[in-house]
Every structure is written in C-alpha cells, then in structure tokens.
Amino acid sequence: DPYGSLDPRMTVARIVAEPLPRATPRAET
C-alpha cells in the first residue's frame, strides 16, 4: 500500500533516508 506505508508527517527526504544508519553523515544522507 503506497498510501499506508509512508508516514504522512515526514518529508520525502526523511522517509527515503529512514533506513540509513543514524551515524551516516548529513552530506552523505
């Protein structure tokens, strides 16, 4: 479900970056 699987409160940038480790540098993210 492309409607239910994306958090409506998050920007697309945050959604796409979500699986990356938290320690990933901002520029690389």
mmCIF file of all heavy atoms, coordinates in Angstrom:
data_MODEL
# 
_entry.id   MODEL 
# 
loop_
_atom_site.group_PDB 
_atom_site.id 
_atom_site.type_symbol 
_atom_site.label_atom_id 
_atom_site.label_alt_id 
_atom_site.label_comp_id 
_atom_site.label_asym_id 
_atom_site.label_entity_id 
_atom_site.label_seq_id 
_atom_site.pdbx_PDB_ins_code 
_atom_site.Cartn_x 
_atom_site.Cartn_y 
_atom_site.Cartn_z 
_atom_site.occupancy 
_atom_site.B_iso_or_equiv 
_atom_site.pdbx_formal_charge 
_atom_site.auth_seq_id 
_atom_site.auth_comp_id 
_atom_site.auth_asym_id 
_atom_site.auth_atom_id 
_atom_site.pdbx_PDB_model_num 
ATOM 1   N N   . ASP A 1 1  ? 0.828  -1.207 0.000  1.00 0.00 ? 1  ASP A N   1 
ATOM 2   C CA  . ASP A 1 1  ? 0.000  0.000  0.000  1.00 0.00 ? 1  ASP A CA  1 
ATOM 3   C C   . ASP A 1 1  ? 0.864  1.259  0.000  1.00 0.00 ? 1  ASP A C   1 
ATOM 4   O O   . ASP A 1 1  ? 1.470  1.588  1.018  1.00 0.00 ? 1  ASP A O   1 
ATOM 5   C CB  . ASP A 1 1  ? -0.911 -0.007 1.239  1.00 0.00 ? 1  ASP A CB  1 
ATOM 6   C CG  . ASP A 1 1  ? -1.842 1.197  1.291  1.00 0.00 ? 1  ASP A CG  1 
ATOM 7   O OD1 . ASP A 1 1  ? -1.904 1.941  0.288  1.00 0.00 ? 1  ASP A OD1 1 
ATOM 8   O OD2 . ASP A 1 1  ? -2.503 1.377  2.321  1.00 0.00 ? 1  ASP A OD2 1 
ATOM 9   N N   . PRO A 1 2  ? 0.943  1.978  -1.113 1.00 0.00 ? 2  PRO A N   1 
ATOM 10  C CA  . PRO A 1 2  ? 1.766  3.190  -1.135 1.00 0.00 ? 2  PRO A CA  1 
ATOM 11  C C   . PRO A 1 2  ? 1.166  4.331  -0.339 1.00 0.00 ? 2  PRO A C   1 
ATOM 12  O O   . PRO A 1 2  ? 1.821  5.350  -0.124 1.00 0.00 ? 2  PRO A O   1 
ATOM 13  C CB  . PRO A 1 2  ? 1.825  3.539  -2.627 1.00 0.00 ? 2  PRO A CB  1 
ATOM 14  C CG  . PRO A 1 2  ? 0.553  2.997  -3.190 1.00 0.00 ? 2  PRO A CG  1 
ATOM 15  C CD  . PRO A 1 2  ? 0.264  1.745  -2.397 1.00 0.00 ? 2  PRO A CD  1 
ATOM 16  N N   . TYR A 1 3  ? -0.077 4.182  0.117  1.00 0.00 ? 3  TYR A N   1 
ATOM 17  C CA  . TYR A 1 3  ? -0.710 5.220  0.927  1.00 0.00 ? 3  TYR A CA  1 
ATOM 18  C C   . TYR A 1 3  ? -0.452 4.988  2.413  1.00 0.00 ? 3  TYR A C   1 
ATOM 19  O O   . TYR A 1 3  ? -0.245 5.921  3.180  1.00 0.00 ? 3  TYR A O   1 
ATOM 20  C CB  . TYR A 1 3  ? -2.220 5.271  0.646  1.00 0.00 ? 3  TYR A CB  1 
ATOM 21  C CG  . TYR A 1 3  ? -2.534 5.653  -0.782 1.00 0.00 ? 3  TYR A CG  1 
ATOM 22  C CD1 . TYR A 1 3  ? -2.671 4.687  -1.766 1.00 0.00 ? 3  TYR A CD1 1 
ATOM 23  C CD2 . TYR A 1 3  ? -2.670 6.988  -1.144 1.00 0.00 ? 3  TYR A CD2 1 
ATOM 24  C CE1 . TYR A 1 3  ? -2.941 5.037  -3.077 1.00 0.00 ? 3  TYR A CE1 1 
ATOM 25  C CE2 . TYR A 1 3  ? -2.940 7.351  -2.458 1.00 0.00 ? 3  TYR A CE2 1 
ATOM 26  C CZ  . TYR A 1 3  ? -3.077 6.366  -3.416 1.00 0.00 ? 3  TYR A CZ  1 
ATOM 27  O OH  . TYR A 1 3  ? -3.334 6.720  -4.725 1.00 0.00 ? 3  TYR A OH  1 
ATOM 28  N N   . GLY A 1 4  ? -0.459 3.728  2.826  1.00 0.00 ? 4  GLY A N   1 
ATOM 29  C CA  . GLY A 1 4  ? -0.280 3.415  4.238  1.00 0.00 ? 4  GLY A CA  1 
ATOM 30  C C   . GLY A 1 4  ? 1.157  3.193  4.664  1.00 0.00 ? 4  GLY A C   1 
ATOM 31  O O   . GLY A 1 4  ? 1.460  3.208  5.854  1.00 0.00 ? 4  GLY A O   1 
ATOM 32  N N   . SER A 1 5  ? 2.069  2.955  3.707  1.00 0.00 ? 5  SER A N   1 
ATOM 33  C CA  . SER A 1 5  ? 3.444  2.611  4.072  1.00 0.00 ? 5  SER A CA  1 
ATOM 34  C C   . SER A 1 5  ? 4.351  3.822  4.238  1.00 0.00 ? 5  SER A C   1 
ATOM 35  O O   . SER A 1 5  ? 5.508  3.675  4.644  1.00 0.00 ? 5  SER A O   1 
ATOM 36  C CB  . SER A 1 5  ? 4.046  1.672  3.015  1.00 0.00 ? 5  SER A CB  1 
ATOM 37  O OG  . SER A 1 5  ? 4.130  2.320  1.759  1.00 0.00 ? 5  SER A OG  1 
ATOM 38  N N   . LEU A 1 6  ? 3.864  5.028  3.917  1.00 0.00 ? 6  LEU A N   1 
ATOM 39  C CA  . LEU A 1 6  ? 4.661  6.244  4.067  1.00 0.00 ? 6  LEU A CA  1 
ATOM 40  C C   . LEU A 1 6  ? 4.062  7.097  5.180  1.00 0.00 ? 6  LEU A C   1 
ATOM 41  O O   . LEU A 1 6  ? 2.861  7.368  5.182  1.00 0.00 ? 6  LEU A O   1 
ATOM 42  C CB  . LEU A 1 6  ? 4.688  7.045  2.762  1.00 0.00 ? 6  LEU A CB  1 
ATOM 43  C CG  . LEU A 1 6  ? 5.147  6.300  1.500  1.00 0.00 ? 6  LEU A CG  1 
ATOM 44  C CD1 . LEU A 1 6  ? 5.148  7.249  0.304  1.00 0.00 ? 6  LEU A CD1 1 
ATOM 45  C CD2 . LEU A 1 6  ? 6.520  5.685  1.694  1.00 0.00 ? 6  LEU A CD2 1 
ATOM 46  N N   . ASP A 1 7  ? 4.891  7.535  6.114  1.00 0.00 ? 7  ASP A N   1 
ATOM 47  C CA  . ASP A 1 7  ? 4.437  8.349  7.241  1.00 0.00 ? 7  ASP A CA  1 
ATOM 48  C C   . ASP A 1 7  ? 4.040  9.735  6.733  1.00 0.00 ? 7  ASP A C   1 
ATOM 49  O O   . ASP A 1 7  ? 4.890  10.477 6.212  1.00 0.00 ? 7  ASP A O   1 
ATOM 50  C CB  . ASP A 1 7  ? 5.557  8.470  8.269  1.00 0.00 ? 7  ASP A CB  1 
ATOM 51  C CG  . ASP A 1 7  ? 5.092  9.079  9.589  1.00 0.00 ? 7  ASP A CG  1 
ATOM 52  O OD1 . ASP A 1 7  ? 4.135  9.872  9.568  1.00 0.00 ? 7  ASP A OD1 1 
ATOM 53  O OD2 . ASP A 1 7  ? 5.700  8.766  10.628 1.00 0.00 ? 7  ASP A OD2 1 
ATOM 54  N N   . PRO A 1 8  ? 2.758  10.130 6.870  1.00 0.00 ? 8  PRO A N   1 
ATOM 55  C CA  . PRO A 1 8  ? 2.319  11.427 6.331  1.00 0.00 ? 8  PRO A CA  1 
ATOM 56  C C   . PRO A 1 8  ? 2.932  12.622 7.041  1.00 0.00 ? 8  PRO A C   1 
ATOM 57  O O   . PRO A 1 8  ? 2.884  13.742 6.539  1.00 0.00 ? 8  PRO A O   1 
ATOM 58  C CB  . PRO A 1 8  ? 0.801  11.382 6.525  1.00 0.00 ? 8  PRO A CB  1 
ATOM 59  C CG  . PRO A 1 8  ? 0.581  10.447 7.667  1.00 0.00 ? 8  PRO A CG  1 
ATOM 60  C CD  . PRO A 1 8  ? 1.654  9.398  7.528  1.00 0.00 ? 8  PRO A CD  1 
ATOM 61  N N   . ARG A 1 9  ? 3.524  12.408 8.230  1.00 0.00 ? 9  ARG A N   1 
ATOM 62  C CA  . ARG A 1 9  ? 4.114  13.513 8.991  1.00 0.00 ? 9  ARG A CA  1 
ATOM 63  C C   . ARG A 1 9  ? 5.556  13.789 8.591  1.00 0.00 ? 9  ARG A C   1 
ATOM 64  O O   . ARG A 1 9  ? 6.141  14.779 9.048  1.00 0.00 ? 9  ARG A O   1 
ATOM 65  C CB  . ARG A 1 9  ? 4.049  13.206 10.486 1.00 0.00 ? 9  ARG A CB  1 
ATOM 66  C CG  . ARG A 1 9  ? 2.639  12.975 11.027 1.00 0.00 ? 9  ARG A CG  1 
ATOM 67  C CD  . ARG A 1 9  ? 2.679  12.339 12.396 1.00 0.00 ? 9  ARG A CD  1 
ATOM 68  N NE  . ARG A 1 9  ? 3.323  11.028 12.352 1.00 0.00 ? 9  ARG A NE  1 
ATOM 69  C CZ  . ARG A 1 9  ? 3.509  10.251 13.412 1.00 0.00 ? 9  ARG A CZ  1 
ATOM 70  N NH1 . ARG A 1 9  ? 3.114  10.671 14.605 1.00 0.00 ? 9  ARG A NH1 1 
ATOM 71  N NH2 . ARG A 1 9  ? 4.093  9.070  13.292 1.00 0.00 ? 9  ARG A NH2 1 
ATOM 72  N N   . MET A 1 10 ? 6.127  12.934 7.783  1.00 0.00 ? 10 MET A N   1 
ATOM 73  C CA  . MET A 1 10 ? 7.530  13.057 7.409  1.00 0.00 ? 10 MET A CA  1 
ATOM 74  C C   . MET A 1 10 ? 7.680  13.575 5.988  1.00 0.00 ? 10 MET A C   1 
ATOM 75  O O   . MET A 1 10 ? 6.872  13.246 5.115  1.00 0.00 ? 10 MET A O   1 
ATOM 76  C CB  . MET A 1 10 ? 8.239  11.700 7.556  1.00 0.00 ? 10 MET A CB  1 
ATOM 77  C CG  . MET A 1 10 ? 8.271  11.175 8.982  1.00 0.00 ? 10 MET A CG  1 
ATOM 78  S SD  . MET A 1 10 ? 8.858  9.445  9.098  1.00 0.00 ? 10 MET A SD  1 
ATOM 79  C CE  . MET A 1 10 ? 10.517 9.599  8.454  1.00 0.00 ? 10 MET A CE  1 
ATOM 80  N N   . THR A 1 11 ? 8.708  14.367 5.742  1.00 0.00 ? 11 THR A N   1 
ATOM 81  C CA  . THR A 1 11 ? 9.018  14.773 4.379  1.00 0.00 ? 11 THR A CA  1 
ATOM 82  C C   . THR A 1 11 ? 9.557  13.571 3.611  1.00 0.00 ? 11 THR A C   1 
ATOM 83  O O   . THR A 1 11 ? 9.992  12.562 4.203  1.00 0.00 ? 11 THR A O   1 
ATOM 84  C CB  . THR A 1 11 ? 10.067 15.888 4.346  1.00 0.00 ? 11 THR A CB  1 
ATOM 85  O OG1 . THR A 1 11 ? 11.302 15.380 4.898  1.00 0.00 ? 11 THR A OG1 1 
ATOM 86  C CG2 . THR A 1 11 ? 9.605  17.112 5.130  1.00 0.00 ? 11 THR A CG2 1 
ATOM 87  N N   . VAL A 1 12 ? 9.533  13.680 2.292  1.00 0.00 ? 12 VAL A N   1 
ATOM 88  C CA  . VAL A 1 12 ? 10.051 12.600 1.459  1.00 0.00 ? 12 VAL A CA  1 
ATOM 89  C C   . VAL A 1 12 ? 11.524 12.346 1.761  1.00 0.00 ? 12 VAL A C   1 
ATOM 90  O O   . VAL A 1 12 ? 11.974 11.189 1.786  1.00 0.00 ? 12 VAL A O   1 
ATOM 91  C CB  . VAL A 1 12 ? 9.836  12.941 -0.027 1.00 0.00 ? 12 VAL A CB  1 
ATOM 92  C CG1 . VAL A 1 12 ? 10.608 11.981 -0.933 1.00 0.00 ? 12 VAL A CG1 1 
ATOM 93  C CG2 . VAL A 1 12 ? 8.353  12.905 -0.365 1.00 0.00 ? 12 VAL A CG2 1 
ATOM 94  N N   . ALA A 1 13 ? 12.273 13.404 2.028  1.00 0.00 ? 13 ALA A N   1 
ATOM 95  C CA  . ALA A 1 13 ? 13.694 13.232 2.349  1.00 0.00 ? 13 ALA A CA  1 
ATOM 96  C C   . ALA A 1 13 ? 13.876 12.356 3.582  1.00 0.00 ? 13 ALA A C   1 
ATOM 97  O O   . ALA A 1 13 ? 14.720 11.452 3.607  1.00 0.00 ? 13 ALA A O   1 
ATOM 98  C CB  . ALA A 1 13 ? 14.347 14.595 2.566  1.00 0.00 ? 13 ALA A CB  1 
ATOM 99  N N   . ARG A 1 14 ? 13.082 12.600 4.629  1.00 0.00 ? 14 ARG A N   1 
ATOM 100 C CA  . ARG A 1 14 ? 13.189 11.799 5.855  1.00 0.00 ? 14 ARG A CA  1 
ATOM 101 C C   . ARG A 1 14 ? 12.723 10.361 5.608  1.00 0.00 ? 14 ARG A C   1 
ATOM 102 O O   . ARG A 1 14 ? 13.300 9.409  6.157  1.00 0.00 ? 14 ARG A O   1 
ATOM 103 C CB  . ARG A 1 14 ? 12.369 12.429 6.976  1.00 0.00 ? 14 ARG A CB  1 
ATOM 104 C CG  . ARG A 1 14 ? 12.980 13.694 7.563  1.00 0.00 ? 14 ARG A CG  1 
ATOM 105 C CD  . ARG A 1 14 ? 12.168 14.163 8.763  1.00 0.00 ? 14 ARG A CD  1 
ATOM 106 N NE  . ARG A 1 14 ? 12.133 13.140 9.813  1.00 0.00 ? 14 ARG A NE  1 
ATOM 107 C CZ  . ARG A 1 14 ? 11.253 13.139 10.813 1.00 0.00 ? 14 ARG A CZ  1 
ATOM 108 N NH1 . ARG A 1 14 ? 10.312 14.083 10.879 1.00 0.00 ? 14 ARG A NH1 1 
ATOM 109 N NH2 . ARG A 1 14 ? 11.283 12.194 11.740 1.00 0.00 ? 14 ARG A NH2 1 
ATOM 110 N N   . ILE A 1 15 ? 11.690 10.197 4.792  1.00 0.00 ? 15 ILE A N   1 
ATOM 111 C CA  . ILE A 1 15 ? 11.174 8.862  4.503  1.00 0.00 ? 15 ILE A CA  1 
ATOM 112 C C   . ILE A 1 15 ? 12.230 8.027  3.779  1.00 0.00 ? 15 ILE A C   1 
ATOM 113 O O   . ILE A 1 15 ? 12.497 6.876  4.145  1.00 0.00 ? 15 ILE A O   1 
ATOM 114 C CB  . ILE A 1 15 ? 9.888  8.961  3.656  1.00 0.00 ? 15 ILE A CB  1 
ATOM 115 C CG1 . ILE A 1 15 ? 8.738  9.503  4.500  1.00 0.00 ? 15 ILE A CG1 1 
ATOM 116 C CG2 . ILE A 1 15 ? 9.524  7.606  3.062  1.00 0.00 ? 15 ILE A CG2 1 
ATOM 117 C CD1 . ILE A 1 15 ? 7.491  9.838  3.707  1.00 0.00 ? 15 ILE A CD1 1 
ATOM 118 N N   . VAL A 1 16 ? 12.821 8.603  2.737  1.00 0.00 ? 16 VAL A N   1 
ATOM 119 C CA  . VAL A 1 16 ? 13.808 7.861  1.947  1.00 0.00 ? 16 VAL A CA  1 
ATOM 120 C C   . VAL A 1 16 ? 15.052 7.572  2.776  1.00 0.00 ? 16 VAL A C   1 
ATOM 121 O O   . VAL A 1 16 ? 15.657 6.493  2.679  1.00 0.00 ? 16 VAL A O   1 
ATOM 122 C CB  . VAL A 1 16 ? 14.167 8.654  0.672  1.00 0.00 ? 16 VAL A CB  1 
ATOM 123 C CG1 . VAL A 1 16 ? 15.300 7.965  -0.093 1.00 0.00 ? 16 VAL A CG1 1 
ATOM 124 C CG2 . VAL A 1 16 ? 12.942 8.797  -0.235 1.00 0.00 ? 16 VAL A CG2 1 
ATOM 125 N N   . ALA A 1 17 ? 15.437 8.502  3.652  1.00 0.00 ? 17 ALA A N   1 
ATOM 126 C CA  . ALA A 1 17 ? 16.652 8.324  4.455  1.00 0.00 ? 17 ALA A CA  1 
ATOM 127 C C   . ALA A 1 17 ? 16.444 7.424  5.660  1.00 0.00 ? 17 ALA A C   1 
ATOM 128 O O   . ALA A 1 17 ? 17.424 7.047  6.330  1.00 0.00 ? 17 ALA A O   1 
ATOM 129 C CB  . ALA A 1 17 ? 17.158 9.690  4.928  1.00 0.00 ? 17 ALA A CB  1 
ATOM 130 N N   . GLU A 1 18 ? 15.212 7.065  5.947  1.00 0.00 ? 18 GLU A N   1 
ATOM 131 C CA  . GLU A 1 18 ? 14.902 6.336  7.188  1.00 0.00 ? 18 GLU A CA  1 
ATOM 132 C C   . GLU A 1 18 ? 15.717 5.062  7.390  1.00 0.00 ? 18 GLU A C   1 
ATOM 133 O O   . GLU A 1 18 ? 16.156 4.777  8.515  1.00 0.00 ? 18 GLU A O   1 
ATOM 134 C CB  . GLU A 1 18 ? 13.400 6.021  7.228  1.00 0.00 ? 18 GLU A CB  1 
ATOM 135 C CG  . GLU A 1 18 ? 12.900 5.561  8.574  1.00 0.00 ? 18 GLU A CG  1 
ATOM 136 C CD  . GLU A 1 18 ? 11.389 5.407  8.595  1.00 0.00 ? 18 GLU A CD  1 
ATOM 137 O OE1 . GLU A 1 18 ? 10.763 5.436  7.509  1.00 0.00 ? 18 GLU A OE1 1 
ATOM 138 O OE2 . GLU A 1 18 ? 10.827 5.270  9.687  1.00 0.00 ? 18 GLU A OE2 1 
ATOM 139 N N   . PRO A 1 19 ? 15.970 4.234  6.345  1.00 0.00 ? 19 PRO A N   1 
ATOM 140 C CA  . PRO A 1 19 ? 16.741 3.002  6.593  1.00 0.00 ? 19 PRO A CA  1 
ATOM 141 C C   . PRO A 1 19 ? 18.225 3.220  6.841  1.00 0.00 ? 19 PRO A C   1 
ATOM 142 O O   . PRO A 1 19 ? 18.907 2.281  7.258  1.00 0.00 ? 19 PRO A O   1 
ATOM 143 C CB  . PRO A 1 19 ? 16.529 2.197  5.295  1.00 0.00 ? 19 PRO A CB  1 
ATOM 144 C CG  . PRO A 1 19 ? 15.367 2.826  4.603  1.00 0.00 ? 19 PRO A CG  1 
ATOM 145 C CD  . PRO A 1 19 ? 15.415 4.269  4.981  1.00 0.00 ? 19 PRO A CD  1 
ATOM 146 N N   . LEU A 1 20 ? 18.752 4.404  6.576  1.00 0.00 ? 20 LEU A N   1 
ATOM 147 C CA  . LEU A 1 20 ? 20.183 4.646  6.750  1.00 0.00 ? 20 LEU A CA  1 
ATOM 148 C C   . LEU A 1 20 ? 20.545 4.686  8.234  1.00 0.00 ? 20 LEU A C   1 
ATOM 149 O O   . LEU A 1 20 ? 19.755 5.136  9.060  1.00 0.00 ? 20 LEU A O   1 
ATOM 150 C CB  . LEU A 1 20 ? 20.579 5.966  6.089  1.00 0.00 ? 20 LEU A CB  1 
ATOM 151 C CG  . LEU A 1 20 ? 20.494 6.021  4.563  1.00 0.00 ? 20 LEU A CG  1 
ATOM 152 C CD1 . LEU A 1 20 ? 20.742 7.432  4.073  1.00 0.00 ? 20 LEU A CD1 1 
ATOM 153 C CD2 . LEU A 1 20 ? 21.484 5.043  3.927  1.00 0.00 ? 20 LEU A CD2 1 
ATOM 154 N N   . PRO A 1 21 ? 21.747 4.247  8.588  1.00 0.00 ? 21 PRO A N   1 
ATOM 155 C CA  . PRO A 1 21 ? 22.178 4.327  9.989  1.00 0.00 ? 21 PRO A CA  1 
ATOM 156 C C   . PRO A 1 21 ? 22.186 5.779  10.471 1.00 0.00 ? 21 PRO A C   1 
ATOM 157 O O   . PRO A 1 21 ? 22.458 6.705  9.699  1.00 0.00 ? 21 PRO A O   1 
ATOM 158 C CB  . PRO A 1 21 ? 23.601 3.751  9.952  1.00 0.00 ? 21 PRO A CB  1 
ATOM 159 C CG  . PRO A 1 21 ? 23.653 2.915  8.719  1.00 0.00 ? 21 PRO A CG  1 
ATOM 160 C CD  . PRO A 1 21 ? 22.743 3.579  7.732  1.00 0.00 ? 21 PRO A CD  1 
ATOM 161 N N   . ARG A 1 22 ? 21.885 5.967  11.750 1.00 0.00 ? 22 ARG A N   1 
ATOM 162 C CA  . ARG A 1 22 ? 21.834 7.319  12.300 1.00 0.00 ? 22 ARG A CA  1 
ATOM 163 C C   . ARG A 1 22 ? 23.184 8.013  12.236 1.00 0.00 ? 22 ARG A C   1 
ATOM 164 O O   . ARG A 1 22 ? 23.253 9.248  12.212 1.00 0.00 ? 22 ARG A O   1 
ATOM 165 C CB  . ARG A 1 22 ? 21.348 7.267  13.752 1.00 0.00 ? 22 ARG A CB  1 
ATOM 166 C CG  . ARG A 1 22 ? 19.879 6.878  13.880 1.00 0.00 ? 22 ARG A CG  1 
ATOM 167 C CD  . ARG A 1 22 ? 19.425 6.989  15.313 1.00 0.00 ? 22 ARG A CD  1 
ATOM 168 N NE  . ARG A 1 22 ? 18.004 6.667  15.450 1.00 0.00 ? 22 ARG A NE  1 
ATOM 169 C CZ  . ARG A 1 22 ? 17.337 6.711  16.600 1.00 0.00 ? 22 ARG A CZ  1 
ATOM 170 N NH1 . ARG A 1 22 ? 17.976 7.059  17.705 1.00 0.00 ? 22 ARG A NH1 1 
ATOM 171 N NH2 . ARG A 1 22 ? 16.053 6.411  16.641 1.00 0.00 ? 22 ARG A NH2 1 
ATOM 172 N N   . ALA A 1 23 ? 24.263 7.239  12.211 1.00 0.00 ? 23 ALA A N   1 
ATOM 173 C CA  . ALA A 1 23 ? 25.602 7.826  12.190 1.00 0.00 ? 23 ALA A CA  1 
ATOM 174 C C   . ALA A 1 23 ? 26.026 8.295  10.803 1.00 0.00 ? 23 ALA A C   1 
ATOM 175 O O   . ALA A 1 23 ? 27.120 8.850  10.645 1.00 0.00 ? 23 ALA A O   1 
ATOM 176 C CB  . ALA A 1 23 ? 26.619 6.823  12.726 1.00 0.00 ? 23 ALA A CB  1 
ATOM 177 N N   . THR A 1 24 ? 25.185 8.081  9.799  1.00 0.00 ? 24 THR A N   1 
ATOM 178 C CA  . THR A 1 24 ? 25.539 8.495  8.436  1.00 0.00 ? 24 THR A CA  1 
ATOM 179 C C   . THR A 1 24 ? 25.676 10.020 8.389  1.00 0.00 ? 24 THR A C   1 
ATOM 180 O O   . THR A 1 24 ? 24.779 10.739 8.825  1.00 0.00 ? 24 THR A O   1 
ATOM 181 C CB  . THR A 1 24 ? 24.457 8.054  7.434  1.00 0.00 ? 24 THR A CB  1 
ATOM 182 O OG1 . THR A 1 24 ? 24.244 6.643  7.549  1.00 0.00 ? 24 THR A OG1 1 
ATOM 183 C CG2 . THR A 1 24 ? 24.879 8.387  6.003  1.00 0.00 ? 24 THR A CG2 1 
ATOM 184 N N   . PRO A 1 25 ? 26.789 10.539 7.872  1.00 0.00 ? 25 PRO A N   1 
ATOM 185 C CA  . PRO A 1 25 ? 26.971 11.998 7.791  1.00 0.00 ? 25 PRO A CA  1 
ATOM 186 C C   . PRO A 1 25 ? 25.841 12.669 6.998  1.00 0.00 ? 25 PRO A C   1 
ATOM 187 O O   . PRO A 1 25 ? 25.288 12.076 6.071  1.00 0.00 ? 25 PRO A O   1 
ATOM 188 C CB  . PRO A 1 25 ? 28.312 12.152 7.076  1.00 0.00 ? 25 PRO A CB  1 
ATOM 189 C CG  . PRO A 1 25 ? 29.026 10.868 7.331  1.00 0.00 ? 25 PRO A CG  1 
ATOM 190 C CD  . PRO A 1 25 ? 27.964 9.817  7.399  1.00 0.00 ? 25 PRO A CD  1 
ATOM 191 N N   . ARG A 1 26 ? 25.497 13.887 7.385  1.00 0.00 ? 26 ARG A N   1 
ATOM 192 C CA  . ARG A 1 26 ? 24.380 14.592 6.772  1.00 0.00 ? 26 ARG A CA  1 
ATOM 193 C C   . ARG A 1 26 ? 24.574 14.769 5.268  1.00 0.00 ? 26 ARG A C   1 
ATOM 194 O O   . ARG A 1 26 ? 23.637 14.604 4.494  1.00 0.00 ? 26 ARG A O   1 
ATOM 195 C CB  . ARG A 1 26 ? 24.198 15.953 7.447  1.00 0.00 ? 26 ARG A CB  1 
ATOM 196 C CG  . ARG A 1 26 ? 23.008 16.748 6.911  1.00 0.00 ? 26 ARG A CG  1 
ATOM 197 C CD  . ARG A 1 26 ? 22.815 18.047 7.679  1.00 0.00 ? 26 ARG A CD  1 
ATOM 198 N NE  . ARG A 1 26 ? 22.525 17.784 9.087  1.00 0.00 ? 26 ARG A NE  1 
ATOM 199 C CZ  . ARG A 1 26 ? 22.296 18.745 9.970  1.00 0.00 ? 26 ARG A CZ  1 
ATOM 200 N NH1 . ARG A 1 26 ? 22.342 20.031 9.601  1.00 0.00 ? 26 ARG A NH1 1 
ATOM 201 N NH2 . ARG A 1 26 ? 22.033 18.437 11.234 1.00 0.00 ? 26 ARG A NH2 1 
ATOM 202 N N   . ALA A 1 27 ? 25.783 15.097 4.858  1.00 0.00 ? 27 ALA A N   1 
ATOM 203 C CA  . ALA A 1 27 ? 26.045 15.301 3.435  1.00 0.00 ? 27 ALA A CA  1 
ATOM 204 C C   . ALA A 1 27 ? 25.841 14.011 2.640  1.00 0.00 ? 27 ALA A C   1 
ATOM 205 O O   . ALA A 1 27 ? 25.270 14.020 1.538  1.00 0.00 ? 27 ALA A O   1 
ATOM 206 C CB  . ALA A 1 27 ? 27.455 15.837 3.229  1.00 0.00 ? 27 ALA A CB  1 
ATOM 207 N N   . GLU A 1 28 ? 26.298 12.887 3.217  1.00 0.00 ? 28 GLU A N   1 
ATOM 208 C CA  . GLU A 1 28 ? 26.118 11.608 2.535  1.00 0.00 ? 28 GLU A CA  1 
ATOM 209 C C   . GLU A 1 28 ? 24.645 11.231 2.477  1.00 0.00 ? 28 GLU A C   1 
ATOM 210 O O   . GLU A 1 28 ? 24.163 10.708 1.458  1.00 0.00 ? 28 GLU A O   1 
ATOM 211 C CB  . GLU A 1 28 ? 26.913 10.507 3.239  1.00 0.00 ? 28 GLU A CB  1 
ATOM 212 C CG  . GLU A 1 28 ? 26.795 9.154  2.552  1.00 0.00 ? 28 GLU A CG  1 
ATOM 213 C CD  . GLU A 1 28 ? 27.547 8.046  3.267  1.00 0.00 ? 28 GLU A CD  1 
ATOM 214 O OE1 . GLU A 1 28 ? 28.362 8.368  4.150  1.00 0.00 ? 28 GLU A OE1 1 
ATOM 215 O OE2 . GLU A 1 28 ? 27.302 6.863  2.945  1.00 0.00 ? 28 GLU A OE2 1 
ATOM 216 N N   . THR A 1 29 ? 23.918 11.499 3.554  1.00 0.00 ? 29 THR A N   1 
ATOM 217 C CA  . THR A 1 29 ? 22.481 11.217 3.563  1.00 0.00 ? 29 THR A CA  1 
ATOM 218 C C   . THR A 1 29 ? 21.771 12.001 2.463  1.00 0.00 ? 29 THR A C   1 
ATOM 219 O O   . THR A 1 29 ? 20.951 11.440 1.712  1.00 0.00 ? 29 THR A O   1 
ATOM 220 C CB  . THR A 1 29 ? 21.874 11.568 4.930  1.00 0.00 ? 29 THR A CB  1 
ATOM 221 O OG1 . THR A 1 29 ? 22.462 10.746 5.934  1.00 0.00 ? 29 THR A OG1 1 
ATOM 222 C CG2 . THR A 1 29 ? 20.369 11.352 4.924  1.00 0.00 ? 29 THR A CG2 1 
# 
